[in-house]
Amino acid sequence: MSSAAQPAGFGWLSILRLGLVQSALGAVVVLATSTMNRVMVVEFALPATLPGALVALHYAVQMARPKVGHRADIGGRLSNWILAGMAVLALGGLGAALAVATMATHPAAGIALAVVAYAIIGLGVGAAGTSLLALMALEVAPTRRGGAATIVWIMMIAGFAVTSGVAGHFLDPFSPRRLVAVTAAAVALAFAVASLALLGLERRGTTVAAAPPAPDAPRRSFRQALAEVWDEPAARRFTIFVFVSMLAYSAEELLLEPFAGRVFALTPGRSTQLSGLLHGGAVLGMLLVAIGSGRSRARAGSLRGWTVAGCLASGVALAALALAGGLAAPALLTPVVFALGLSNGVFAVAAIGSMMELAGAGRSGSTGVRMGLWGAAQAVAFALGGLSGTIGVDLVRAAVGSSVAAYGAVFVLEAALFAGAAQLALRLERGAARGRDAPRTATRVAADPLRP
């Protein structure tokens, strides 16, 4: 193939380097949202609402994602923003470990420090994650975006799985000092990996995004750009789907390890390894979608079909998890958690692939704002879902005096939300089919591929 026929922008090696950055980001986040959450609830016997509120805080500060995306649209060196975000994230991750360790002897001081640390984590994730997505949209050719999204998110989940497994091994026997040491090593390694992966990366790309406006054209403000994106029916409907589906997905990581500790008496190391199994299953689910959807000519429609299947399977797995607790059947725990991870992986990568394809479908020059808007919708859903899930566990347990009933009730509610998300995804697929069948002379309303 001649060089003229090669797609512009990042090649697959550069995309793999972006995946390494996403893996590093995930490695820090999983310790704060999963392992430290379990330590607070089980080892220190604190209310589940506390880690729920802290994780909700780290999502709440990510409401700034659309603003970061707008900056990507108007220019700037995005690798610097990614690296700065990773530095902030590493600082917040280490601070969170110190805060949790402090809770063992000085709970009030530890909680106060944790509030600051989790806010810093949210700032780092928002800056690094959104800038990374924007860099992908700007520097990855349209023909490679679906594959790039799959690669980057598989590597992020792999970062979750590897970190959970290795950290789980070194955390036993548990002590607050050991938690700080393991976290310090993890965040230092994550920052080093991200720094090396980003070194000279932006110079390798040949921007494939739409050409910037003429120098004399008025630059749109952030408010104008956000209003224009929200006025796009496809972007607006996809934002609603992201919110509902992530609301269903959001409480899993916060509840899984405490559930395993309280109901099945697993040690911190064992429950952390169980979280690693969840993410390992997710990696396999993502690979399944990448292979299956890659064989379909109607890739966008195929991805939405996979999204529906992933939502439904996730709901069934959550119901089975509640059943395993109710039956006191530890033999069911491992296969059900793996099935849940597999289903989550199918749902997640299919939704992300659809997002990458929709990101450049509307008005040019707003790709970053679109991805920032969807990232903000996800952050709000995670904040509400994680907090309401942990509050729900505390309320049900206080009312009936049973951890089994408390976790089971929340898992069943999550399953119902996944069923609702599947219906929304199915409407997106049907709307897309009507859009493909519509005559080319149709009006703007009929041409919208996602309009019901």
Protein backbone atom coordinates (compact mmCIF):
# COMPACT_ATOMS: atom_id res chain seq x y z
CA MET A 1 0.00 0.00 0.00
CA SER A 2 1.35 3.43 -0.87
CA SER A 3 2.04 5.98 1.82
CA ALA A 4 -0.70 8.16 0.41
CA ALA A 5 -3.24 5.47 1.24
CA GLN A 6 -2.14 5.20 4.86
CA PRO A 7 -4.48 6.83 7.40
CA ALA A 8 -3.21 10.07 8.87
CA GLY A 9 -2.54 10.38 12.58
CA PHE A 10 -1.30 7.91 15.18
CA GLY A 11 -0.33 4.41 14.16
CA TRP A 12 -1.03 1.31 16.24
CA LEU A 13 2.22 1.61 18.23
CA SER A 14 1.27 5.13 19.32
CA ILE A 15 -2.22 3.89 20.21
CA LEU A 16 -0.64 1.19 22.38
CA ARG A 17 1.32 3.92 24.13
CA LEU A 18 -1.93 5.73 24.87
CA GLY A 19 -3.20 2.46 26.27
CA LEU A 20 -0.23 2.33 28.64
CA VAL A 21 -1.20 5.77 29.93
CA GLN A 22 -4.77 4.60 30.50
CA SER A 23 -3.46 1.50 32.30
CA ALA A 24 -1.41 3.70 34.61
CA LEU A 25 -4.45 5.86 35.33
CA GLY A 26 -6.56 2.80 36.12
CA ALA A 27 -3.89 1.35 38.40
CA VAL A 28 -4.12 4.33 40.76
CA VAL A 29 -7.90 4.64 40.63
CA VAL A 30 -8.62 0.98 41.43
CA LEU A 31 -6.73 1.17 44.73
CA ALA A 32 -8.74 4.19 45.87
CA THR A 33 -12.17 3.01 44.73
CA SER A 34 -11.88 -0.69 45.56
CA THR A 35 -9.15 -1.71 48.02
CA MET A 36 -9.26 1.32 50.32
CA ASN A 37 -13.04 1.21 50.25
CA ARG A 38 -12.96 -2.37 51.59
CA VAL A 39 -10.43 -1.48 54.30
CA MET A 40 -12.62 1.35 55.59
CA VAL A 41 -15.74 -0.80 55.73
CA VAL A 42 -14.39 -4.18 56.90
CA GLU A 43 -11.07 -3.67 58.74
CA PHE A 44 -12.03 -0.36 60.38
CA ALA A 45 -15.81 -1.09 60.66
CA LEU A 46 -16.75 2.34 59.28
CA PRO A 47 -20.14 2.91 57.59
CA ALA A 48 -20.23 2.02 53.89
CA THR A 49 -21.56 5.53 53.28
CA LEU A 50 -18.11 6.99 54.04
CA PRO A 51 -16.22 5.48 51.07
CA GLY A 52 -19.35 6.00 49.00
CA ALA A 53 -19.28 9.72 49.77
CA LEU A 54 -15.53 9.94 49.10
CA VAL A 55 -15.81 8.23 45.72
CA ALA A 56 -18.85 10.41 44.92
CA LEU A 57 -16.71 13.47 45.69
CA HIS A 58 -13.98 12.32 43.33
CA TYR A 59 -16.60 12.00 40.57
CA ALA A 60 -18.30 15.30 41.41
CA VAL A 61 -15.16 17.32 40.75
CA GLN A 62 -15.00 15.73 37.28
CA MET A 63 -17.86 17.96 36.19
CA ALA A 64 -15.07 20.09 34.72
CA ARG A 65 -14.50 17.50 31.96
CA PRO A 66 -16.42 19.43 29.25
CA LYS A 67 -14.25 22.46 29.96
CA VAL A 68 -11.11 20.38 29.49
CA GLY A 69 -12.57 19.01 26.26
CA HIS A 70 -13.24 22.54 25.01
CA ARG A 71 -9.61 23.42 25.60
CA ALA A 72 -8.66 20.43 23.45
CA ASP A 73 -10.90 21.77 20.69
CA ILE A 74 -9.28 25.21 20.66
CA GLY A 75 -5.71 23.91 20.71
CA GLY A 76 -2.85 23.23 23.07
CA ARG A 77 -0.37 20.46 23.82
CA LEU A 78 -2.54 17.71 25.25
CA SER A 79 0.28 15.42 26.40
CA ASN A 80 1.28 18.08 28.94
CA TRP A 81 -2.28 18.12 30.31
CA ILE A 82 -2.30 14.33 30.51
CA LEU A 83 1.01 14.22 32.37
CA ALA A 84 -0.03 16.99 34.75
CA GLY A 85 -3.26 15.13 35.45
CA MET A 86 -1.30 11.93 36.17
CA ALA A 87 0.94 13.80 38.62
CA VAL A 88 -2.09 15.15 40.45
CA LEU A 89 -3.70 11.69 40.43
CA ALA A 90 -0.58 10.06 41.90
CA LEU A 91 -0.46 12.67 44.66
CA GLY A 92 -4.13 12.08 45.45
CA GLY A 93 -3.71 8.28 45.47
CA LEU A 94 -0.84 8.42 47.96
CA GLY A 95 -2.77 10.93 50.07
CA ALA A 96 -5.78 8.60 50.12
CA ALA A 97 -3.65 5.72 51.44
CA LEU A 98 -2.20 7.95 54.16
CA ALA A 99 -5.71 9.10 55.05
CA VAL A 100 -7.06 5.56 55.35
CA ALA A 101 -4.07 4.52 57.46
CA THR A 102 -4.66 7.52 59.74
CA MET A 103 -8.28 6.41 60.28
CA ALA A 104 -6.98 3.43 62.27
CA THR A 105 -5.88 5.69 65.14
CA HIS A 106 -7.40 9.13 64.46
CA PRO A 107 -10.67 8.66 62.51
CA ALA A 108 -11.66 12.33 62.32
CA ALA A 109 -8.26 13.46 61.05
CA GLY A 110 -8.15 10.56 58.59
CA ILE A 111 -11.57 11.40 57.19
CA ALA A 112 -10.65 15.07 56.77
CA LEU A 113 -7.46 14.12 54.92
CA ALA A 114 -9.41 11.66 52.78
CA VAL A 115 -11.82 14.39 51.64
CA VAL A 116 -8.89 16.41 50.30
CA ALA A 117 -7.17 13.36 48.78
CA TYR A 118 -10.25 12.08 46.92
CA ALA A 119 -10.96 15.57 45.53
CA ILE A 120 -7.39 15.64 44.21
CA ILE A 121 -7.89 12.19 42.66
CA GLY A 122 -10.98 13.49 40.85
CA LEU A 123 -9.10 16.49 39.47
CA GLY A 124 -6.31 14.26 38.21
CA VAL A 125 -8.65 11.74 36.58
CA GLY A 126 -10.67 14.50 34.91
CA ALA A 127 -7.64 16.28 33.48
CA ALA A 128 -5.74 13.18 32.37
CA GLY A 129 -8.71 11.11 31.17
CA THR A 130 -10.48 13.77 29.14
CA SER A 131 -7.25 15.03 27.58
CA LEU A 132 -6.38 11.46 26.60
CA LEU A 133 -9.77 10.97 24.93
CA ALA A 134 -9.42 14.28 23.13
CA LEU A 135 -5.95 13.34 21.90
CA MET A 136 -7.35 10.07 20.56
CA ALA A 137 -10.15 11.84 18.72
CA LEU A 138 -7.77 14.43 17.25
CA GLU A 139 -4.90 12.13 16.28
CA VAL A 140 -6.50 8.73 15.51
CA ALA A 141 -7.94 8.28 12.01
CA PRO A 142 -11.68 7.47 11.82
CA THR A 143 -10.92 4.00 10.42
CA ARG A 144 -8.87 3.21 13.53
CA ARG A 145 -11.03 4.77 16.24
CA GLY A 146 -13.10 1.69 17.04
CA GLY A 147 -10.00 -0.48 17.39
CA ALA A 148 -8.19 2.25 19.31
CA ALA A 149 -11.02 2.53 21.83
CA THR A 150 -10.99 -1.23 22.34
CA ILE A 151 -7.22 -1.36 22.81
CA VAL A 152 -7.07 1.57 25.22
CA TRP A 153 -9.95 0.38 27.39
CA ILE A 154 -8.72 -3.21 27.48
CA MET A 155 -5.38 -1.92 28.68
CA MET A 156 -7.12 0.20 31.34
CA ILE A 157 -9.03 -2.83 32.65
CA ALA A 158 -5.81 -4.84 32.46
CA GLY A 159 -4.27 -2.16 34.69
CA PHE A 160 -7.16 -2.68 37.11
CA ALA A 161 -6.74 -6.45 37.06
CA VAL A 162 -2.93 -6.52 37.39
CA THR A 163 -2.88 -3.90 40.14
CA SER A 164 -5.65 -5.65 42.09
CA GLY A 165 -3.94 -9.02 41.84
CA VAL A 166 -0.41 -7.83 42.68
CA ALA A 167 -1.54 -5.43 45.42
CA GLY A 168 -3.75 -8.16 46.89
CA HIS A 169 -0.70 -10.44 47.12
CA PHE A 170 1.43 -7.86 48.94
CA LEU A 171 -1.35 -6.60 51.24
CA ASP A 172 -1.56 -9.85 53.21
CA PRO A 173 -1.06 -9.87 56.16
CA PHE A 174 -2.82 -6.51 56.27
CA SER A 175 -1.56 -3.47 58.18
CA PRO A 176 -2.04 0.29 57.61
CA ARG A 177 1.71 0.68 57.07
CA ARG A 178 1.66 -2.04 54.41
CA LEU A 179 -1.26 -0.31 52.66
CA VAL A 180 0.72 2.93 52.39
CA ALA A 181 3.85 1.15 51.15
CA VAL A 182 2.00 -0.83 48.46
CA THR A 183 0.13 2.29 47.30
CA ALA A 184 3.31 4.40 47.16
CA ALA A 185 5.02 1.80 44.97
CA ALA A 186 1.96 1.54 42.70
CA VAL A 187 1.54 5.31 42.11
CA ALA A 188 5.27 5.83 41.50
CA LEU A 189 5.32 3.05 38.91
CA ALA A 190 2.11 4.36 37.28
CA PHE A 191 3.52 7.87 36.88
CA ALA A 192 6.79 6.55 35.48
CA VAL A 193 4.95 4.39 32.90
CA ALA A 194 2.74 7.32 31.82
CA SER A 195 5.71 9.66 31.49
CA LEU A 196 7.67 7.26 29.31
CA ALA A 197 4.62 6.45 27.16
CA LEU A 198 3.95 10.15 26.47
CA LEU A 199 7.56 11.06 25.71
CA GLY A 200 7.59 12.60 22.21
CA LEU A 201 4.21 11.07 21.39
CA GLU A 202 2.39 14.16 20.10
CA ARG A 203 5.11 14.87 17.55
CA ARG A 204 4.29 11.53 15.88
CA GLY A 205 0.71 12.45 15.01
CA THR A 206 -0.58 14.27 11.97
CA THR A 207 -3.84 15.74 13.15
CA VAL A 208 -6.80 14.09 11.46
CA ALA A 209 -9.48 16.27 13.03
CA ALA A 210 -11.37 18.85 11.08
CA ALA A 211 -9.37 21.91 10.12
CA PRO A 212 -9.46 24.73 12.68
CA PRO A 213 -11.48 27.84 11.93
CA ALA A 214 -9.92 30.66 9.96
CA PRO A 215 -7.78 33.06 12.00
CA ASP A 216 -10.32 35.86 11.62
CA ALA A 217 -13.30 33.65 12.61
CA PRO A 218 -14.77 34.37 16.06
CA ARG A 219 -13.77 31.75 18.61
CA ARG A 220 -16.74 30.10 20.31
CA SER A 221 -16.87 30.39 24.07
CA PHE A 222 -17.20 27.27 26.20
CA ARG A 223 -20.87 28.04 26.88
CA GLN A 224 -21.60 28.41 23.16
CA ALA A 225 -19.80 25.17 22.28
CA LEU A 226 -21.57 23.23 25.03
CA ALA A 227 -24.99 24.60 24.01
CA GLU A 228 -24.37 23.64 20.37
CA VAL A 229 -23.40 20.08 21.31
CA TRP A 230 -26.43 19.67 23.61
CA ASP A 231 -28.64 20.84 20.73
CA GLU A 232 -27.48 17.84 18.66
CA PRO A 233 -30.16 15.12 19.11
CA ALA A 234 -27.68 12.24 18.74
CA ALA A 235 -25.29 13.68 21.33
CA ARG A 236 -28.12 14.47 23.74
CA ARG A 237 -29.70 11.01 23.54
CA PHE A 238 -26.36 9.29 23.91
CA THR A 239 -25.67 11.41 26.99
CA ILE A 240 -28.90 10.13 28.57
CA PHE A 241 -27.96 6.53 27.78
CA VAL A 242 -24.48 7.00 29.29
CA PHE A 243 -26.02 8.40 32.47
CA VAL A 244 -28.53 5.57 32.97
CA SER A 245 -26.13 2.74 32.09
CA MET A 246 -23.36 4.10 34.30
CA LEU A 247 -25.84 4.60 37.13
CA ALA A 248 -26.50 0.85 36.92
CA TYR A 249 -22.78 0.02 36.73
CA SER A 250 -21.46 2.45 39.30
CA ALA A 251 -21.87 0.73 42.68
CA GLU A 252 -20.27 -2.61 41.74
CA GLU A 253 -16.67 -1.83 42.66
CA LEU A 254 -17.66 -0.07 45.87
CA LEU A 255 -19.79 -3.00 47.02
CA LEU A 256 -18.02 -6.11 45.75
CA GLU A 257 -15.08 -6.28 48.16
CA PRO A 258 -17.07 -5.29 51.28
CA PHE A 259 -19.73 -7.83 50.21
CA ALA A 260 -17.08 -10.54 49.92
CA GLY A 261 -15.63 -9.59 53.31
CA ARG A 262 -18.89 -9.32 55.26
CA VAL A 263 -20.91 -12.13 53.67
CA PHE A 264 -18.18 -14.65 52.77
CA ALA A 265 -15.45 -13.59 55.29
CA LEU A 266 -12.74 -13.18 52.65
CA THR A 267 -9.47 -11.53 53.73
CA PRO A 268 -8.40 -8.16 52.19
CA GLY A 269 -5.96 -9.95 49.91
CA ARG A 270 -8.58 -12.49 48.78
CA SER A 271 -11.24 -9.87 48.13
CA THR A 272 -8.75 -7.71 46.21
CA GLN A 273 -7.94 -10.71 44.04
CA LEU A 274 -11.69 -11.19 43.50
CA SER A 275 -11.80 -7.62 42.20
CA GLY A 276 -8.95 -8.58 39.88
CA LEU A 277 -11.05 -11.50 38.62
CA LEU A 278 -13.89 -9.07 37.87
CA HIS A 279 -11.60 -6.91 35.75
CA GLY A 280 -9.99 -9.93 34.11
CA GLY A 281 -13.43 -11.03 32.96
CA ALA A 282 -14.04 -7.52 31.64
CA VAL A 283 -10.90 -7.76 29.50
CA LEU A 284 -12.17 -10.98 27.91
CA GLY A 285 -15.57 -9.37 27.29
CA MET A 286 -13.93 -6.47 25.52
CA LEU A 287 -11.92 -8.81 23.33
CA LEU A 288 -15.10 -10.69 22.47
CA VAL A 289 -16.75 -7.48 21.25
CA ALA A 290 -13.66 -6.38 19.33
CA ILE A 291 -13.58 -9.68 17.43
CA GLY A 292 -17.35 -9.97 16.93
CA SER A 293 -18.07 -6.39 15.91
CA GLY A 294 -14.99 -6.28 13.67
CA ARG A 295 -16.58 -8.91 11.43
CA SER A 296 -19.75 -6.85 10.95
CA ARG A 297 -20.09 -4.51 8.02
CA ALA A 298 -22.62 -2.38 9.89
CA ARG A 299 -20.17 -1.71 12.69
CA ALA A 300 -22.17 1.02 14.51
CA GLY A 301 -25.33 -1.10 14.55
CA SER A 302 -23.31 -4.12 15.65
CA LEU A 303 -21.81 -2.18 18.55
CA ARG A 304 -25.24 -1.05 19.74
CA GLY A 305 -26.43 -4.68 19.60
CA TRP A 306 -23.48 -5.73 21.75
CA THR A 307 -24.34 -2.90 24.15
CA VAL A 308 -27.87 -4.26 24.62
CA ALA A 309 -26.55 -7.78 25.20
CA GLY A 310 -23.95 -6.55 27.70
CA CYS A 311 -26.51 -4.61 29.71
CA LEU A 312 -28.89 -7.57 29.91
CA ALA A 313 -26.13 -10.03 30.85
CA SER A 314 -24.81 -7.65 33.53
CA GLY A 315 -28.28 -7.47 35.06
CA VAL A 316 -28.56 -11.28 35.17
CA ALA A 317 -25.10 -11.59 36.76
CA LEU A 318 -25.96 -9.05 39.48
CA ALA A 319 -29.15 -10.93 40.29
CA ALA A 320 -27.09 -14.14 40.51
CA LEU A 321 -24.64 -12.39 42.87
CA ALA A 322 -27.52 -11.50 45.18
CA LEU A 323 -28.71 -15.11 45.00
CA ALA A 324 -25.24 -16.43 45.89
CA GLY A 325 -25.26 -14.32 49.03
CA GLY A 326 -28.77 -15.35 49.95
CA LEU A 327 -27.94 -19.05 49.55
CA ALA A 328 -24.62 -18.64 51.41
CA ALA A 329 -22.98 -20.41 48.47
CA PRO A 330 -19.29 -19.43 48.29
CA ALA A 331 -18.78 -21.85 45.40
CA LEU A 332 -20.94 -19.55 43.26
CA LEU A 333 -19.02 -16.38 44.09
CA THR A 334 -16.03 -16.82 41.77
CA PRO A 335 -17.92 -17.86 38.59
CA VAL A 336 -20.62 -15.22 39.13
CA VAL A 337 -18.05 -12.44 39.62
CA PHE A 338 -16.22 -13.58 36.49
CA ALA A 339 -19.52 -13.60 34.53
CA LEU A 340 -20.30 -10.12 35.82
CA GLY A 341 -16.91 -8.86 34.66
CA LEU A 342 -17.34 -10.50 31.25
CA SER A 343 -20.79 -8.88 30.82
CA ASN A 344 -19.49 -5.50 31.98
CA GLY A 345 -16.66 -5.71 29.47
CA VAL A 346 -19.07 -6.41 26.60
CA PHE A 347 -21.29 -3.49 27.61
CA ALA A 348 -18.45 -1.05 28.28
CA VAL A 349 -16.35 -1.47 25.15
CA ALA A 350 -19.41 -1.54 22.88
CA ALA A 351 -20.64 1.72 24.41
CA ILE A 352 -17.16 3.26 24.16
CA GLY A 353 -16.84 2.21 20.53
CA SER A 354 -20.16 3.89 19.79
CA MET A 355 -18.94 6.99 21.61
CA MET A 356 -15.77 7.21 19.52
CA GLU A 357 -17.81 6.89 16.32
CA LEU A 358 -20.31 9.54 17.44
CA ALA A 359 -17.63 11.91 18.75
CA GLY A 360 -16.88 13.39 15.34
CA ALA A 361 -20.36 12.99 13.84
CA GLY A 362 -21.72 16.42 14.69
CA ARG A 363 -20.40 19.92 14.18
CA SER A 364 -16.65 20.01 13.57
CA GLY A 365 -14.46 21.58 16.21
CA SER A 366 -16.55 20.19 19.10
CA THR A 367 -15.15 16.68 19.48
CA GLY A 368 -13.58 17.42 22.85
CA VAL A 369 -16.75 19.01 24.21
CA ARG A 370 -18.82 15.97 23.20
CA MET A 371 -16.48 13.58 24.94
CA GLY A 372 -16.27 15.88 27.92
CA LEU A 373 -20.08 15.99 28.12
CA TRP A 374 -20.31 12.19 28.06
CA GLY A 375 -17.51 11.99 30.62
CA ALA A 376 -19.37 14.40 32.88
CA ALA A 377 -22.58 12.35 32.51
CA GLN A 378 -20.62 9.27 33.53
CA ALA A 379 -19.07 11.08 36.49
CA VAL A 380 -22.44 12.31 37.77
CA ALA A 381 -23.92 8.80 37.39
CA PHE A 382 -21.00 7.26 39.24
CA ALA A 383 -21.25 9.84 42.03
CA LEU A 384 -24.98 9.29 42.49
CA GLY A 385 -24.88 5.53 41.98
CA GLY A 386 -21.93 4.84 44.23
CA LEU A 387 -23.24 7.03 47.03
CA SER A 388 -26.83 5.78 46.81
CA GLY A 389 -25.61 2.17 46.69
CA THR A 390 -23.56 2.47 49.86
CA ILE A 391 -26.30 4.43 51.63
CA GLY A 392 -28.78 1.76 50.57
CA VAL A 393 -26.60 -0.97 52.09
CA ASP A 394 -26.36 0.91 55.40
CA LEU A 395 -30.10 1.66 55.52
CA VAL A 396 -31.23 -1.89 54.72
CA ARG A 397 -28.74 -3.40 57.14
CA ALA A 398 -29.89 -1.03 59.89
CA ALA A 399 -33.53 -1.90 59.16
CA VAL A 400 -33.27 -5.69 58.95
CA GLY A 401 -29.94 -6.40 60.64
CA SER A 402 -28.61 -8.50 57.75
CA SER A 403 -25.65 -7.78 55.48
CA VAL A 404 -26.85 -10.48 53.09
CA ALA A 405 -30.23 -8.78 52.63
CA ALA A 406 -28.63 -5.32 52.39
CA TYR A 407 -26.18 -6.17 49.62
CA GLY A 408 -28.71 -8.39 47.85
CA ALA A 409 -31.31 -5.61 47.68
CA VAL A 410 -28.83 -3.18 46.12
CA PHE A 411 -27.58 -5.76 43.61
CA VAL A 412 -31.16 -6.48 42.50
CA LEU A 413 -31.83 -2.75 42.07
CA GLU A 414 -28.70 -2.43 39.93
CA ALA A 415 -29.93 -5.36 37.83
CA ALA A 416 -33.22 -3.53 37.21
CA LEU A 417 -31.33 -0.40 36.14
CA PHE A 418 -29.28 -2.45 33.67
CA ALA A 419 -32.52 -3.75 32.19
CA GLY A 420 -33.67 -0.15 31.71
CA ALA A 421 -30.32 0.76 30.12
CA ALA A 422 -30.74 -2.16 27.70
CA GLN A 423 -34.09 -0.75 26.62
CA LEU A 424 -32.52 2.66 25.99
CA ALA A 425 -29.73 1.06 23.96
CA LEU A 426 -32.31 -0.89 21.97
CA ARG A 427 -34.10 2.37 21.15
CA LEU A 428 -30.80 3.81 19.92
CA GLU A 429 -30.36 0.77 17.65
CA ARG A 430 -33.91 1.02 16.28
CA GLY A 431 -33.48 4.74 15.70
CA ALA A 432 -30.26 4.08 13.82
CA ALA A 433 -31.98 1.49 11.65
CA ARG A 434 -34.75 3.93 10.74
CA GLY A 435 -32.08 6.52 9.94
CA ARG A 436 -30.35 4.09 7.55
CA ASP A 437 -33.66 3.30 5.84
CA ALA A 438 -34.70 6.96 5.51
CA PRO A 439 -34.51 8.52 2.00
CA ARG A 440 -31.55 10.77 1.37
CA THR A 441 -33.89 13.70 0.70
CA ALA A 442 -35.41 13.47 4.17
CA THR A 443 -35.62 16.45 6.45
CA ARG A 444 -33.12 17.17 9.24
CA VAL A 445 -35.41 15.53 11.80
CA ALA A 446 -35.71 12.25 9.86
CA ALA A 447 -32.00 12.20 9.07
CA ASP A 448 -31.06 12.12 12.75
CA PRO A 449 -29.92 8.47 13.11
CA LEU A 450 -30.81 8.28 16.81
CA ARG A 451 -34.18 10.03 16.77
CA PRO A 452 -36.94 7.67 18.03
